[in-house]
């Protein structure tokens, strides 16, 4: 019998793959939360990597280092913890499109520099 889900368009194999990826992401999120990784801990990790104070990341400004730190924060908050871009927009005082661009920049920073949210 072929697996199906009315929320997902595609054949059974595709549906199974999408559901497996979704399950894996949920498990990763809950593992991080179980380790105490939340938005504030991500800010601490970013501050360690970037050599800045965590409060500096949350402050206003568009200088390159602050933009990079925020971008890394946004990337990990959205992809690792599953936080909404709308929530980050409110918390950082950025537009939704600004947060979206930050997530992309954060992804680039991770790929270029090999940054990891959790060591090991």
N, C-alpha and C. Protein backbone atom coordinates (compact mmCIF):
# COMPACT_ATOMS: atom_id res chain seq x y z
N UNK A 1 0.84 -1.18 0.00
CA UNK A 1 0.00 0.00 0.00
C UNK A 1 0.89 1.24 0.00
N UNK A 2 0.57 2.18 -0.85
CA UNK A 2 1.36 3.38 -1.00
C UNK A 2 1.01 4.39 0.08
N UNK A 3 2.04 4.99 0.66
CA UNK A 3 1.86 6.00 1.71
C UNK A 3 1.32 7.27 1.06
N UNK A 4 0.38 7.93 1.74
CA UNK A 4 -0.16 9.18 1.23
C UNK A 4 -0.47 10.11 2.38
N UNK A 5 -0.53 11.37 2.05
CA UNK A 5 -0.89 12.41 3.01
C UNK A 5 -1.51 13.53 2.20
N UNK A 6 -2.73 13.91 2.55
CA UNK A 6 -3.44 14.91 1.75
C UNK A 6 -2.76 16.27 1.76
N UNK A 7 -1.85 16.50 2.71
CA UNK A 7 -1.14 17.78 2.76
C UNK A 7 0.02 17.84 1.79
N UNK A 8 0.43 16.69 1.23
CA UNK A 8 1.60 16.61 0.37
C UNK A 8 1.20 16.05 -0.99
N UNK A 9 1.52 16.83 -2.04
CA UNK A 9 1.27 16.35 -3.40
C UNK A 9 2.47 15.56 -3.87
N UNK A 10 2.22 14.36 -4.41
CA UNK A 10 3.30 13.56 -4.95
C UNK A 10 3.02 12.09 -4.76
N UNK A 11 3.90 11.25 -5.36
CA UNK A 11 3.71 9.81 -5.24
C UNK A 11 4.12 9.33 -3.85
N UNK A 12 3.89 8.06 -3.58
CA UNK A 12 4.14 7.49 -2.26
C UNK A 12 5.57 7.64 -1.79
N UNK A 13 6.54 7.41 -2.68
CA UNK A 13 7.95 7.53 -2.30
C UNK A 13 8.28 8.96 -1.89
N UNK A 14 7.76 9.92 -2.65
CA UNK A 14 8.01 11.32 -2.33
C UNK A 14 7.40 11.67 -0.98
N UNK A 15 6.18 11.23 -0.74
CA UNK A 15 5.50 11.51 0.52
C UNK A 15 6.29 10.93 1.69
N UNK A 16 6.76 9.69 1.55
CA UNK A 16 7.55 9.06 2.61
C UNK A 16 8.83 9.85 2.88
N UNK A 17 9.48 10.32 1.82
CA UNK A 17 10.71 11.09 1.98
C UNK A 17 10.45 12.40 2.71
N UNK A 18 9.39 13.11 2.31
CA UNK A 18 9.04 14.38 2.96
C UNK A 18 8.72 14.17 4.43
N UNK A 19 7.95 13.14 4.73
CA UNK A 19 7.58 12.87 6.12
C UNK A 19 8.81 12.47 6.95
N UNK A 20 9.73 11.71 6.36
CA UNK A 20 10.96 11.32 7.07
C UNK A 20 11.82 12.53 7.38
N UNK A 21 11.95 13.44 6.43
CA UNK A 21 12.74 14.66 6.64
C UNK A 21 12.09 15.50 7.73
N UNK A 22 10.79 15.62 7.69
CA UNK A 22 10.06 16.38 8.70
C UNK A 22 10.27 15.78 10.08
N UNK A 23 10.19 14.47 10.19
CA UNK A 23 10.40 13.79 11.47
C UNK A 23 11.81 14.02 11.98
N UNK A 24 12.80 13.95 11.09
CA UNK A 24 14.20 14.15 11.46
C UNK A 24 14.42 15.56 12.00
N UNK A 25 13.83 16.56 11.34
CA UNK A 25 13.98 17.94 11.78
C UNK A 25 13.34 18.14 13.15
N UNK A 26 12.19 17.52 13.39
CA UNK A 26 11.53 17.62 14.68
C UNK A 26 12.41 17.01 15.78
N UNK A 27 12.99 15.86 15.49
CA UNK A 27 13.85 15.19 16.46
C UNK A 27 15.07 16.04 16.78
N UNK A 28 15.69 16.65 15.75
CA UNK A 28 16.84 17.51 15.96
C UNK A 28 16.47 18.71 16.84
N UNK A 29 15.32 19.31 16.55
CA UNK A 29 14.86 20.46 17.33
C UNK A 29 14.69 20.08 18.79
N UNK A 30 14.06 18.96 19.06
CA UNK A 30 13.82 18.56 20.44
C UNK A 30 15.09 18.14 21.15
N UNK A 31 16.06 17.59 20.41
CA UNK A 31 17.36 17.27 21.01
C UNK A 31 18.06 18.55 21.46
N UNK A 32 18.00 19.59 20.61
CA UNK A 32 18.61 20.87 20.98
C UNK A 32 17.91 21.47 22.19
N UNK A 33 16.60 21.46 22.18
CA UNK A 33 15.84 22.00 23.32
C UNK A 33 16.15 21.22 24.59
N UNK A 34 16.31 19.90 24.49
CA UNK A 34 16.64 19.07 25.65
C UNK A 34 18.02 19.43 26.20
N UNK A 35 18.91 19.89 25.33
CA UNK A 35 20.25 20.32 25.75
C UNK A 35 20.24 21.76 26.26
N UNK A 36 19.08 22.38 26.29
CA UNK A 36 18.98 23.75 26.77
C UNK A 36 19.30 24.79 25.72
N UNK A 37 19.33 24.39 24.45
CA UNK A 37 19.62 25.33 23.38
C UNK A 37 18.33 26.07 23.03
N UNK A 38 18.32 27.37 23.30
CA UNK A 38 17.19 28.22 22.94
C UNK A 38 17.76 29.47 22.27
N UNK A 39 16.93 30.45 22.01
CA UNK A 39 17.39 31.63 21.29
C UNK A 39 18.50 32.36 22.04
N UNK A 40 18.38 32.46 23.35
CA UNK A 40 19.42 33.14 24.13
C UNK A 40 20.74 32.38 24.11
N UNK A 41 20.67 31.06 24.14
CA UNK A 41 21.89 30.25 24.05
C UNK A 41 22.52 30.35 22.67
N UNK A 42 21.68 30.47 21.64
CA UNK A 42 22.22 30.68 20.29
C UNK A 42 22.96 32.02 20.25
N UNK A 43 22.38 33.03 20.87
CA UNK A 43 23.03 34.35 20.92
C UNK A 43 24.38 34.25 21.63
N UNK A 44 24.46 33.46 22.70
CA UNK A 44 25.73 33.25 23.40
C UNK A 44 26.75 32.57 22.50
N UNK A 45 26.30 31.56 21.75
CA UNK A 45 27.20 30.85 20.85
C UNK A 45 27.72 31.77 19.76
N UNK A 46 26.82 32.57 19.20
CA UNK A 46 27.22 33.52 18.16
C UNK A 46 28.21 34.54 18.74
N UNK A 47 27.94 35.01 19.94
CA UNK A 47 28.84 36.00 20.55
C UNK A 47 30.23 35.40 20.76
N UNK A 48 30.29 34.12 21.16
CA UNK A 48 31.59 33.45 21.31
C UNK A 48 32.32 33.36 19.98
N UNK A 49 31.60 32.94 18.94
CA UNK A 49 32.22 32.78 17.62
C UNK A 49 32.69 34.11 17.04
N UNK A 50 31.91 35.17 17.28
CA UNK A 50 32.20 36.46 16.67
C UNK A 50 33.03 37.38 17.58
N UNK A 51 33.23 36.97 18.83
CA UNK A 51 34.02 37.78 19.76
C UNK A 51 33.34 39.08 20.17
N UNK A 52 32.03 39.01 20.37
CA UNK A 52 31.26 40.19 20.78
C UNK A 52 30.38 39.83 21.98
N UNK A 53 29.82 40.83 22.62
CA UNK A 53 28.89 40.61 23.71
C UNK A 53 27.52 40.23 23.15
N UNK A 54 26.80 39.32 23.81
CA UNK A 54 25.47 38.95 23.31
C UNK A 54 24.53 40.15 23.17
N UNK A 55 24.59 41.09 24.10
CA UNK A 55 23.69 42.25 24.03
C UNK A 55 23.95 43.08 22.78
N UNK A 56 25.18 43.06 22.30
CA UNK A 56 25.55 43.81 21.10
C UNK A 56 24.81 43.26 19.87
N UNK A 57 24.59 41.95 19.83
CA UNK A 57 23.90 41.33 18.70
C UNK A 57 22.47 41.87 18.58
N UNK A 58 21.83 42.09 19.73
CA UNK A 58 20.42 42.53 19.74
C UNK A 58 20.28 44.02 19.46
N UNK A 59 21.36 44.78 19.54
CA UNK A 59 21.29 46.23 19.35
C UNK A 59 21.09 46.63 17.90
N UNK A 60 20.67 47.87 17.72
CA UNK A 60 20.44 48.40 16.38
C UNK A 60 21.77 48.71 15.69
N UNK A 61 21.75 48.67 14.39
CA UNK A 61 22.93 49.03 13.62
C UNK A 61 23.11 48.11 12.43
N UNK A 62 23.81 48.63 11.44
CA UNK A 62 24.00 47.86 10.20
C UNK A 62 25.47 47.66 9.86
N UNK A 63 26.35 47.78 10.88
CA UNK A 63 27.76 47.54 10.56
C UNK A 63 27.96 46.06 10.25
N UNK A 64 28.96 45.78 9.47
CA UNK A 64 29.17 44.44 8.91
C UNK A 64 29.22 43.34 9.98
N UNK A 65 29.95 43.57 11.06
CA UNK A 65 30.08 42.54 12.09
C UNK A 65 28.75 42.25 12.77
N UNK A 66 27.96 43.29 13.04
CA UNK A 66 26.65 43.09 13.67
C UNK A 66 25.71 42.36 12.71
N UNK A 67 25.74 42.73 11.45
CA UNK A 67 24.90 42.06 10.44
C UNK A 67 25.26 40.58 10.36
N UNK A 68 26.56 40.28 10.36
CA UNK A 68 26.99 38.88 10.30
C UNK A 68 26.56 38.11 11.55
N UNK A 69 26.71 38.72 12.71
CA UNK A 69 26.30 38.06 13.95
C UNK A 69 24.80 37.80 13.96
N UNK A 70 24.03 38.78 13.57
CA UNK A 70 22.57 38.60 13.50
C UNK A 70 22.19 37.54 12.47
N UNK A 71 22.90 37.52 11.36
CA UNK A 71 22.62 36.55 10.31
C UNK A 71 22.83 35.13 10.80
N UNK A 72 23.90 34.91 11.53
CA UNK A 72 24.17 33.59 12.08
C UNK A 72 23.09 33.22 13.10
N UNK A 73 22.72 34.17 13.94
CA UNK A 73 21.65 33.96 14.92
C UNK A 73 20.35 33.58 14.21
N UNK A 74 19.98 34.33 13.20
CA UNK A 74 18.73 34.06 12.46
C UNK A 74 18.76 32.70 11.79
N UNK A 75 19.87 32.37 11.17
CA UNK A 75 19.98 31.09 10.49
C UNK A 75 19.75 29.93 11.45
N UNK A 76 20.47 29.93 12.57
CA UNK A 76 20.32 28.83 13.52
C UNK A 76 18.96 28.85 14.21
N UNK A 77 18.44 30.02 14.49
CA UNK A 77 17.13 30.10 15.15
C UNK A 77 16.04 29.52 14.26
N UNK A 78 16.09 29.83 12.98
CA UNK A 78 15.06 29.36 12.04
C UNK A 78 15.28 27.89 11.68
N UNK A 79 16.49 27.53 11.29
CA UNK A 79 16.72 26.17 10.81
C UNK A 79 16.87 25.14 11.92
N UNK A 80 17.55 25.48 12.99
CA UNK A 80 17.78 24.49 14.04
C UNK A 80 16.62 24.42 15.04
N UNK A 81 16.11 25.59 15.43
CA UNK A 81 15.05 25.61 16.44
C UNK A 81 13.65 25.71 15.85
N UNK A 82 13.56 26.08 14.59
CA UNK A 82 12.25 26.20 13.96
C UNK A 82 11.49 27.43 14.38
N UNK A 83 12.20 28.46 14.88
CA UNK A 83 11.52 29.70 15.24
C UNK A 83 11.00 30.37 13.97
N UNK A 84 9.92 31.09 14.10
CA UNK A 84 9.36 31.77 12.93
C UNK A 84 10.15 33.04 12.64
N UNK A 85 10.20 33.37 11.37
CA UNK A 85 10.87 34.61 10.97
C UNK A 85 10.11 35.81 11.53
N UNK A 86 8.80 35.69 11.68
CA UNK A 86 8.00 36.78 12.24
C UNK A 86 8.42 37.06 13.68
N UNK A 87 8.66 36.00 14.46
CA UNK A 87 9.09 36.17 15.84
C UNK A 87 10.45 36.85 15.91
N UNK A 88 11.37 36.41 15.05
CA UNK A 88 12.69 37.04 15.00
C UNK A 88 12.60 38.49 14.54
N UNK A 89 11.70 38.76 13.61
CA UNK A 89 11.49 40.12 13.12
C UNK A 89 11.12 41.04 14.28
N UNK A 90 10.19 40.60 15.09
CA UNK A 90 9.77 41.40 16.26
C UNK A 90 10.91 41.55 17.27
N UNK A 91 11.59 40.45 17.53
CA UNK A 91 12.64 40.46 18.56
C UNK A 91 13.84 41.32 18.16
N UNK A 92 14.18 41.30 16.87
CA UNK A 92 15.35 42.04 16.40
C UNK A 92 15.02 43.43 15.85
N UNK A 93 13.73 43.70 15.68
CA UNK A 93 13.36 44.99 15.11
C UNK A 93 13.70 45.10 13.63
N UNK A 94 13.66 43.97 12.94
CA UNK A 94 13.95 43.93 11.51
C UNK A 94 12.67 43.60 10.75
N UNK A 95 12.65 43.94 9.47
CA UNK A 95 11.52 43.55 8.63
C UNK A 95 11.58 42.04 8.40
N UNK A 96 10.47 41.49 7.98
CA UNK A 96 10.42 40.06 7.66
C UNK A 96 11.39 39.73 6.54
N UNK A 97 11.45 40.58 5.53
CA UNK A 97 12.40 40.33 4.43
C UNK A 97 13.84 40.48 4.92
N UNK A 98 14.07 41.36 5.88
CA UNK A 98 15.40 41.50 6.47
C UNK A 98 15.84 40.24 7.19
N UNK A 99 14.91 39.62 7.91
CA UNK A 99 15.21 38.37 8.59
C UNK A 99 15.46 37.27 7.56
N UNK A 100 14.65 37.23 6.52
CA UNK A 100 14.83 36.23 5.47
C UNK A 100 16.21 36.36 4.82
N UNK A 101 16.62 37.57 4.54
CA UNK A 101 17.96 37.80 3.97
C UNK A 101 19.05 37.41 4.96
N UNK A 102 18.79 37.66 6.25
CA UNK A 102 19.76 37.29 7.28
C UNK A 102 19.94 35.78 7.35
N UNK A 103 18.85 35.05 7.23
CA UNK A 103 18.93 33.58 7.24
C UNK A 103 19.83 33.11 6.10
N UNK A 104 19.65 33.66 4.93
CA UNK A 104 20.48 33.28 3.78
C UNK A 104 21.95 33.64 4.02
N UNK A 105 22.20 34.84 4.53
CA UNK A 105 23.58 35.24 4.84
C UNK A 105 24.18 34.32 5.90
N UNK A 106 23.37 33.95 6.89
CA UNK A 106 23.83 33.05 7.94
C UNK A 106 24.23 31.69 7.38
N UNK A 107 23.44 31.20 6.44
CA UNK A 107 23.76 29.93 5.79
C UNK A 107 25.11 30.04 5.08
N UNK A 108 25.33 31.14 4.38
CA UNK A 108 26.60 31.36 3.69
C UNK A 108 27.76 31.40 4.69
N UNK A 109 27.56 32.07 5.83
CA UNK A 109 28.61 32.16 6.85
C UNK A 109 28.96 30.78 7.40
N UNK A 110 27.95 29.97 7.65
CA UNK A 110 28.19 28.61 8.15
C UNK A 110 28.99 27.81 7.14
N UNK A 111 28.61 27.90 5.87
CA UNK A 111 29.31 27.14 4.84
C UNK A 111 30.74 27.64 4.64
N UNK A 112 30.93 28.95 4.66
CA UNK A 112 32.26 29.52 4.42
C UNK A 112 33.22 29.29 5.58
N UNK A 113 32.69 29.34 6.81
CA UNK A 113 33.56 29.30 7.99
C UNK A 113 33.48 28.00 8.79
N UNK A 114 32.57 27.12 8.42
CA UNK A 114 32.46 25.85 9.14
C UNK A 114 31.91 26.00 10.55
N UNK A 115 31.17 27.08 10.80
CA UNK A 115 30.59 27.27 12.13
C UNK A 115 29.60 26.16 12.46
N UNK A 116 29.58 25.77 13.73
CA UNK A 116 28.63 24.78 14.21
C UNK A 116 27.91 25.33 15.43
N UNK A 117 26.64 25.07 15.51
CA UNK A 117 25.86 25.54 16.66
C UNK A 117 26.30 24.83 17.92
N UNK A 118 26.51 23.51 17.82
CA UNK A 118 26.94 22.72 18.97
C UNK A 118 28.22 22.02 18.59
N UNK A 119 29.25 22.17 19.41
CA UNK A 119 30.52 21.50 19.13
C UNK A 119 30.35 19.99 19.26
N UNK A 120 31.08 19.28 18.43
CA UNK A 120 31.08 17.83 18.56
C UNK A 120 30.40 17.15 17.52
